[in-house]
Amino acid sequence: MSLDMDLEKVLAKDLGPSASSFLSRQCKSHMGKDAGSLTRADLEELAKWCYIGVKLTLGADVAENTKKGILSLM
């Protein structure tokens, strides 16, 4: 499975069907790249941006779980 698919799976735990669009938006807006071009070296920065985005809508506890899930793919 590709890294972006692994990330969608992690995000889907808390974001459901919006995981794909959320991932795409975070990558393009904050990292300037497509989700398909992410590498493991990008995961720390992505985890930071996803934490911020999830925290705004679902709270700090859910955001922390999301961040941990992303970092577990390193």
PDB file of N, CA and C in Angstrom:
ATOM      1  N   MET A   1       0.850  -1.175   0.000  1.00  0.00           N
ATOM      2  CA  MET A   1       0.000   0.000   0.000  1.00  0.00           C
ATOM      3  C   MET A   1       0.898   1.241   0.000  1.00  0.00           C
ATOM      4  N   SER A   2       0.485   2.269  -0.731  1.00  0.00           N
ATOM      5  CA  SER A   2       1.264   3.500  -0.810  1.00  0.00           C
ATOM      6  C   SER A   2       1.108   4.324   0.469  1.00  0.00           C
ATOM      7  N   LEU A   3       2.036   5.228   0.673  1.00  0.00           N
ATOM      8  CA  LEU A   3       2.030   6.052   1.877  1.00  0.00           C
ATOM      9  C   LEU A   3       0.747   6.877   1.977  1.00  0.00           C
ATOM     10  N   ASP A   4       0.310   7.468   0.871  1.00  0.00           N
ATOM     11  CA  ASP A   4      -0.911   8.277   0.944  1.00  0.00           C
ATOM     12  C   ASP A   4      -2.131   7.430   1.297  1.00  0.00           C
ATOM     13  N   MET A   5      -2.167   6.198   0.854  1.00  0.00           N
ATOM     14  CA  MET A   5      -3.275   5.314   1.220  1.00  0.00           C
ATOM     15  C   MET A   5      -3.203   4.933   2.697  1.00  0.00           C
ATOM     16  N   ASP A   6      -1.978   4.717   3.193  1.00  0.00           N
ATOM     17  CA  ASP A   6      -1.797   4.445   4.628  1.00  0.00           C
ATOM     18  C   ASP A   6      -2.266   5.642   5.455  1.00  0.00           C
ATOM     19  N   LEU A   7      -1.940   6.836   4.991  1.00  0.00           N
ATOM     20  CA  LEU A   7      -2.347   8.050   5.695  1.00  0.00           C
ATOM     21  C   LEU A   7      -3.864   8.214   5.680  1.00  0.00           C
ATOM     22  N   GLU A   8      -4.487   7.943   4.555  1.00  0.00           N
ATOM     23  CA  GLU A   8      -5.952   8.025   4.488  1.00  0.00           C
ATOM     24  C   GLU A   8      -6.593   7.049   5.464  1.00  0.00           C
ATOM     25  N   LYS A   9      -6.016   5.874   5.580  1.00  0.00           N
ATOM     26  CA  LYS A   9      -6.539   4.869   6.515  1.00  0.00           C
ATOM     27  C   LYS A   9      -6.445   5.371   7.957  1.00  0.00           C
ATOM     28  N   VAL A  10      -5.320   5.986   8.319  1.00  0.00           N
ATOM     29  CA  VAL A  10      -5.146   6.552   9.657  1.00  0.00           C
ATOM     30  C   VAL A  10      -6.161   7.665   9.887  1.00  0.00           C
ATOM     31  N   LEU A  11      -6.283   8.566   8.933  1.00  0.00           N
ATOM     32  CA  LEU A  11      -7.187   9.703   9.075  1.00  0.00           C
ATOM     33  C   LEU A  11      -8.658   9.284   9.092  1.00  0.00           C
ATOM     34  N   ALA A  12      -8.981   8.236   8.371  1.00  0.00           N
ATOM     35  CA  ALA A  12     -10.367   7.782   8.289  1.00  0.00           C
ATOM     36  C   ALA A  12     -10.903   7.314   9.639  1.00  0.00           C
ATOM     37  N   LYS A  13     -10.031   6.923  10.543  1.00  0.00           N
ATOM     38  CA  LYS A  13     -10.474   6.486  11.865  1.00  0.00           C
ATOM     39  C   LYS A  13     -11.260   7.591  12.573  1.00  0.00           C
ATOM     40  N   ASP A  14     -10.837   8.822  12.391  1.00  0.00           N
ATOM     41  CA  ASP A  14     -11.503   9.944  13.049  1.00  0.00           C
ATOM     42  C   ASP A  14     -12.280  10.843  12.092  1.00  0.00           C
ATOM     43  N   LEU A  15     -11.893  10.847  10.822  1.00  0.00           N
ATOM     44  CA  LEU A  15     -12.515  11.767   9.869  1.00  0.00           C
ATOM     45  C   LEU A  15     -13.483  11.089   8.909  1.00  0.00           C
ATOM     46  N   GLY A  16     -13.520   9.783   8.940  1.00  0.00           N
ATOM     47  CA  GLY A  16     -14.435   9.053   8.074  1.00  0.00           C
ATOM     48  C   GLY A  16     -14.168   9.313   6.602  1.00  0.00           C
ATOM     49  N   PRO A  17     -15.227   9.457   5.820  1.00  0.00           N
ATOM     50  CA  PRO A  17     -15.069   9.609   4.371  1.00  0.00           C
ATOM     51  C   PRO A  17     -14.411  10.929   3.940  1.00  0.00           C
ATOM     52  N   SER A  18     -14.255  11.859   4.840  1.00  0.00           N
ATOM     53  CA  SER A  18     -13.597  13.121   4.470  1.00  0.00           C
ATOM     54  C   SER A  18     -12.072  13.024   4.578  1.00  0.00           C
ATOM     55  N   ALA A  19     -11.551  11.875   4.957  1.00  0.00           N
ATOM     56  CA  ALA A  19     -10.108  11.716   5.160  1.00  0.00           C
ATOM     57  C   ALA A  19      -9.303  12.063   3.908  1.00  0.00           C
ATOM     58  N   SER A  20      -9.748  11.606   2.760  1.00  0.00           N
ATOM     59  CA  SER A  20      -9.009  11.839   1.522  1.00  0.00           C
ATOM     60  C   SER A  20      -8.927  13.325   1.184  1.00  0.00           C
ATOM     61  N   SER A  21     -10.053  14.015   1.253  1.00  0.00           N
ATOM     62  CA  SER A  21     -10.042  15.450   0.929  1.00  0.00           C
ATOM     63  C   SER A  21      -9.277  16.251   1.977  1.00  0.00           C
ATOM     64  N   PHE A  22      -9.362  15.848   3.239  1.00  0.00           N
ATOM     65  CA  PHE A  22      -8.602  16.519   4.297  1.00  0.00           C
ATOM     66  C   PHE A  22      -7.110  16.373   4.040  1.00  0.00           C
ATOM     67  N   LEU A  23      -6.666  15.152   3.734  1.00  0.00           N
ATOM     68  CA  LEU A  23      -5.250  14.909   3.464  1.00  0.00           C
ATOM     69  C   LEU A  23      -4.778  15.734   2.282  1.00  0.00           C
ATOM     70  N   SER A  24      -5.550  15.726   1.225  1.00  0.00           N
ATOM     71  CA  SER A  24      -5.187  16.487   0.031  1.00  0.00           C
ATOM     72  C   SER A  24      -5.069  17.975   0.332  1.00  0.00           C
ATOM     73  N   ARG A  25      -6.019  18.502   1.079  1.00  0.00           N
ATOM     74  CA  ARG A  25      -6.019  19.929   1.427  1.00  0.00           C
ATOM     75  C   ARG A  25      -4.813  20.291   2.290  1.00  0.00           C
ATOM     76  N   GLN A  26      -4.494  19.463   3.273  1.00  0.00           N
ATOM     77  CA  GLN A  26      -3.350  19.744   4.141  1.00  0.00           C
ATOM     78  C   GLN A  26      -2.048  19.722   3.345  1.00  0.00           C
ATOM     79  N   CYS A  27      -1.919  18.754   2.472  1.00  0.00           N
ATOM     80  CA  CYS A  27      -0.694  18.636   1.673  1.00  0.00           C
ATOM     81  C   CYS A  27      -0.521  19.828   0.739  1.00  0.00           C
ATOM     82  N   LYS A  28      -1.567  20.165   0.012  1.00  0.00           N
ATOM     83  CA  LYS A  28      -1.471  21.253  -0.962  1.00  0.00           C
ATOM     84  C   LYS A  28      -1.331  22.609  -0.285  1.00  0.00           C
ATOM     85  N   SER A  29      -2.135  22.855   0.731  1.00  0.00           N
ATOM     86  CA  SER A  29      -2.134  24.173   1.373  1.00  0.00           C
ATOM     87  C   SER A  29      -0.894  24.453   2.203  1.00  0.00           C
ATOM     88  N   HIS A  30      -0.420  23.458   2.915  1.00  0.00           N
ATOM     89  CA  HIS A  30       0.655  23.709   3.875  1.00  0.00           C
ATOM     90  C   HIS A  30       2.013  23.169   3.451  1.00  0.00           C
ATOM     91  N   MET A  31       2.009  22.206   2.537  1.00  0.00           N
ATOM     92  CA  MET A  31       3.272  21.588   2.161  1.00  0.00           C
ATOM     93  C   MET A  31       3.613  21.781   0.690  1.00  0.00           C
ATOM     94  N   GLY A  32       2.646  22.272  -0.077  1.00  0.00           N
ATOM     95  CA  GLY A  32       2.891  22.557  -1.483  1.00  0.00           C
ATOM     96  C   GLY A  32       3.108  21.332  -2.351  1.00  0.00           C
ATOM     97  N   LYS A  33       2.491  20.209  -1.983  1.00  0.00           N
ATOM     98  CA  LYS A  33       2.650  19.006  -2.797  1.00  0.00           C
ATOM     99  C   LYS A  33       1.395  18.172  -2.755  1.00  0.00           C
ATOM    100  N   ASP A  34       1.312  17.240  -3.668  1.00  0.00           N
ATOM    101  CA  ASP A  34       0.195  16.305  -3.706  1.00  0.00           C
ATOM    102  C   ASP A  34       0.430  15.195  -2.699  1.00  0.00           C
ATOM    103  N   ALA A  35      -0.646  14.628  -2.189  1.00  0.00           N
ATOM    104  CA  ALA A  35      -0.541  13.542  -1.212  1.00  0.00           C
ATOM    105  C   ALA A  35       0.228  12.351  -1.785  1.00  0.00           C
ATOM    106  N   GLY A  36       0.095  12.112  -3.071  1.00  0.00           N
ATOM    107  CA  GLY A  36       0.782  10.994  -3.704  1.00  0.00           C
ATOM    108  C   GLY A  36       2.284  11.143  -3.771  1.00  0.00           C
ATOM    109  N   SER A  37       2.788  12.355  -3.568  1.00  0.00           N
ATOM    110  CA  SER A  37       4.235  12.565  -3.621  1.00  0.00           C
ATOM    111  C   SER A  37       4.879  12.673  -2.236  1.00  0.00           C
ATOM    112  N   LEU A  38       4.104  12.418  -1.199  1.00  0.00           N
ATOM    113  CA  LEU A  38       4.659  12.455   0.158  1.00  0.00           C
ATOM    114  C   LEU A  38       5.672  11.341   0.369  1.00  0.00           C
ATOM    115  N   THR A  39       6.661  11.643   1.183  1.00  0.00           N
ATOM    116  CA  THR A  39       7.631  10.630   1.600  1.00  0.00           C
ATOM    117  C   THR A  39       7.593  10.554   3.122  1.00  0.00           C
ATOM    118  N   ARG A  40       8.231   9.560   3.646  1.00  0.00           N
ATOM    119  CA  ARG A  40       8.269   9.408   5.106  1.00  0.00           C
ATOM    120  C   ARG A  40       8.943  10.618   5.760  1.00  0.00           C
ATOM    121  N   ALA A  41       9.825  11.284   5.046  1.00  0.00           N
ATOM    122  CA  ALA A  41      10.489  12.481   5.565  1.00  0.00           C
ATOM    123  C   ALA A  41       9.502  13.636   5.772  1.00  0.00           C
ATOM    124  N   ASP A  42       8.353  13.580   5.123  1.00  0.00           N
ATOM    125  CA  ASP A  42       7.334  14.628   5.237  1.00  0.00           C
ATOM    126  C   ASP A  42       6.382  14.406   6.416  1.00  0.00           C
ATOM    127  N   LEU A  43       6.444  13.260   7.052  1.00  0.00           N
ATOM    128  CA  LEU A  43       5.419  12.897   8.023  1.00  0.00           C
ATOM    129  C   LEU A  43       5.388  13.775   9.264  1.00  0.00           C
ATOM    130  N   GLU A  44       6.530  14.235   9.741  1.00  0.00           N
ATOM    131  CA  GLU A  44       6.516  15.103  10.926  1.00  0.00           C
ATOM    132  C   GLU A  44       5.788  16.409  10.641  1.00  0.00           C
ATOM    133  N   GLU A  45       6.095  17.019   9.504  1.00  0.00           N
ATOM    134  CA  GLU A  45       5.426  18.274   9.157  1.00  0.00           C
ATOM    135  C   GLU A  45       3.938  18.043   8.904  1.00  0.00           C
ATOM    136  N   LEU A  46       3.614  16.973   8.204  1.00  0.00           N
ATOM    137  CA  LEU A  46       2.212  16.657   7.943  1.00  0.00           C
ATOM    138  C   LEU A  46       1.459  16.415   9.250  1.00  0.00           C
ATOM    139  N   ALA A  47       2.076  15.692  10.170  1.00  0.00           N
ATOM    140  CA  ALA A  47       1.436  15.414  11.465  1.00  0.00           C
ATOM    141  C   ALA A  47       1.122  16.715  12.196  1.00  0.00           C
ATOM    142  N   LYS A  48       2.033  17.673  12.109  1.00  0.00           N
ATOM    143  CA  LYS A  48       1.814  18.975  12.748  1.00  0.00           C
ATOM    144  C   LYS A  48       0.591  19.671  12.155  1.00  0.00           C
ATOM    145  N   TRP A  49       0.500  19.718  10.828  1.00  0.00           N
ATOM    146  CA  TRP A  49      -0.614  20.410  10.174  1.00  0.00           C
ATOM    147  C   TRP A  49      -1.932  19.680  10.377  1.00  0.00           C
ATOM    148  N   CYS A  50      -1.892  18.362  10.354  1.00  0.00           N
ATOM    149  CA  CYS A  50      -3.122  17.599  10.589  1.00  0.00           C
ATOM    150  C   CYS A  50      -3.591  17.773  12.027  1.00  0.00           C
ATOM    151  N   TYR A  51      -2.648  17.824  12.960  1.00  0.00           N
ATOM    152  CA  TYR A  51      -2.996  18.065  14.364  1.00  0.00           C
ATOM    153  C   TYR A  51      -3.763  19.385  14.482  1.00  0.00           C
ATOM    154  N   ILE A  52      -3.233  20.425  13.870  1.00  0.00           N
ATOM    155  CA  ILE A  52      -3.863  21.739  13.951  1.00  0.00           C
ATOM    156  C   ILE A  52      -5.260  21.705  13.334  1.00  0.00           C
ATOM    157  N   GLY A  53      -5.388  21.113  12.159  1.00  0.00           N
ATOM    158  CA  GLY A  53      -6.676  21.068  11.479  1.00  0.00           C
ATOM    159  C   GLY A  53      -7.724  20.251  12.225  1.00  0.00           C
ATOM    160  N   VAL A  54      -7.316  19.111  12.744  1.00  0.00           N
ATOM    161  CA  VAL A  54      -8.253  18.255  13.469  1.00  0.00           C
ATOM    162  C   VAL A  54      -8.628  18.894  14.805  1.00  0.00           C
ATOM    163  N   LYS A  55      -7.677  19.517  15.457  1.00  0.00           N
ATOM    164  CA  LYS A  55      -7.941  20.150  16.758  1.00  0.00           C
ATOM    165  C   LYS A  55      -9.012  21.233  16.638  1.00  0.00           C
ATOM    166  N   LEU A  56      -8.984  21.973  15.550  1.00  0.00           N
ATOM    167  CA  LEU A  56      -9.960  23.047  15.351  1.00  0.00           C
ATOM    168  C   LEU A  56     -11.390  22.532  15.262  1.00  0.00           C
ATOM    169  N   THR A  57     -11.559  21.335  14.756  1.00  0.00           N
ATOM    170  CA  THR A  57     -12.915  20.825  14.553  1.00  0.00           C
ATOM    171  C   THR A  57     -13.326  19.724  15.526  1.00  0.00           C
ATOM    172  N   LEU A  58     -12.380  18.867  15.911  1.00  0.00           N
ATOM    173  CA  LEU A  58     -12.732  17.701  16.725  1.00  0.00           C
ATOM    174  C   LEU A  58     -12.103  17.687  18.114  1.00  0.00           C
ATOM    175  N   GLY A  59     -11.246  18.653  18.399  1.00  0.00           N
ATOM    176  CA  GLY A  59     -10.664  18.759  19.728  1.00  0.00           C
ATOM    177  C   GLY A  59      -9.268  18.170  19.838  1.00  0.00           C
ATOM    178  N   ALA A  60      -8.611  18.516  20.942  1.00  0.00           N
ATOM    179  CA  ALA A  60      -7.204  18.158  21.152  1.00  0.00           C
ATOM    180  C   ALA A  60      -6.985  16.659  21.311  1.00  0.00           C
ATOM    181  N   ASP A  61      -7.886  15.955  21.955  1.00  0.00           N
ATOM    182  CA  ASP A  61      -7.692  14.517  22.153  1.00  0.00           C
ATOM    183  C   ASP A  61      -7.699  13.759  20.828  1.00  0.00           C
ATOM    184  N   VAL A  62      -8.656  14.066  19.992  1.00  0.00           N
ATOM    185  CA  VAL A  62      -8.736  13.416  18.688  1.00  0.00           C
ATOM    186  C   VAL A  62      -7.531  13.820  17.840  1.00  0.00           C
ATOM    187  N   ALA A  63      -7.148  15.088  17.908  1.00  0.00           N
ATOM    188  CA  ALA A  63      -5.995  15.577  17.148  1.00  0.00           C
ATOM    189  C   ALA A  63      -4.713  14.869  17.575  1.00  0.00           C
ATOM    190  N   GLU A  64      -4.557  14.636  18.849  1.00  0.00           N
ATOM    191  CA  GLU A  64      -3.365  13.936  19.342  1.00  0.00           C
ATOM    192  C   GLU A  64      -3.334  12.501  18.823  1.00  0.00           C
ATOM    193  N   ASN A  65      -4.470  11.836  18.807  1.00  0.00           N
ATOM    194  CA  ASN A  65      -4.537  10.473  18.256  1.00  0.00           C
ATOM    195  C   ASN A  65      -4.198  10.463  16.784  1.00  0.00           C
ATOM    196  N   THR A  66      -4.685  11.449  16.051  1.00  0.00           N
ATOM    197  CA  THR A  66      -4.388  11.560  14.626  1.00  0.00           C
ATOM    198  C   THR A  66      -2.893  11.744  14.416  1.00  0.00           C
ATOM    199  N   LYS A  67      -2.305  12.654  15.174  1.00  0.00           N
ATOM    200  CA  LYS A  67      -0.865  12.914  15.066  1.00  0.00           C
ATOM    201  C   LYS A  67      -0.053  11.656  15.352  1.00  0.00           C
ATOM    202  N   LYS A  68      -0.406  10.941  16.401  1.00  0.00           N
ATOM    203  CA  LYS A  68       0.302   9.704  16.749  1.00  0.00           C
ATOM    204  C   LYS A  68       0.163   8.664  15.637  1.00  0.00           C
ATOM    205  N   GLY A  69      -1.018   8.571  15.060  1.00  0.00           N
ATOM    206  CA  GLY A  69      -1.233   7.630  13.977  1.00  0.00           C
ATOM    207  C   GLY A  69      -0.367   7.936  12.768  1.00  0.00           C
ATOM    208  N   ILE A  70      -0.264   9.209  12.436  1.00  0.00           N
ATOM    209  CA  ILE A  70       0.583   9.616  11.293  1.00  0.00           C
ATOM    210  C   ILE A  70       2.046   9.313  11.597  1.00  0.00           C
ATOM    211  N   LEU A  71       2.495   9.670  12.779  1.00  0.00           N
ATOM    212  CA  LEU A  71       3.898   9.442  13.124  1.00  0.00           C
ATOM    213  C   LEU A  71       4.249   7.963  13.232  1.00  0.00           C
ATOM    214  N   SER A  72       3.258   7.126  13.482  1.00  0.00           N
ATOM    215  CA  SER A  72       3.522   5.684  13.565  1.00  0.00           C
ATOM    216  C   SER A  72       3.905   5.097  12.210  1.00  0.00           C
ATOM    217  N   LEU A  73       3.677   5.845  11.127  1.00  0.00           N
ATOM    218  CA  LEU A  73       4.027   5.381   9.794  1.00  0.00           C
ATOM    219  C   LEU A  73       5.476   5.672   9.424  1.00  0.00           C
ATOM    220  N   MET A  74       6.210   6.325  10.299  1.00  0.00           N
ATOM    221  CA  MET A  74       7.609   6.663  10.014  1.00  0.00           C
ATOM    222  C   MET A  74       8.491   5.424   9.989  1.00  0.00           C
TER     223      MET A  74
END
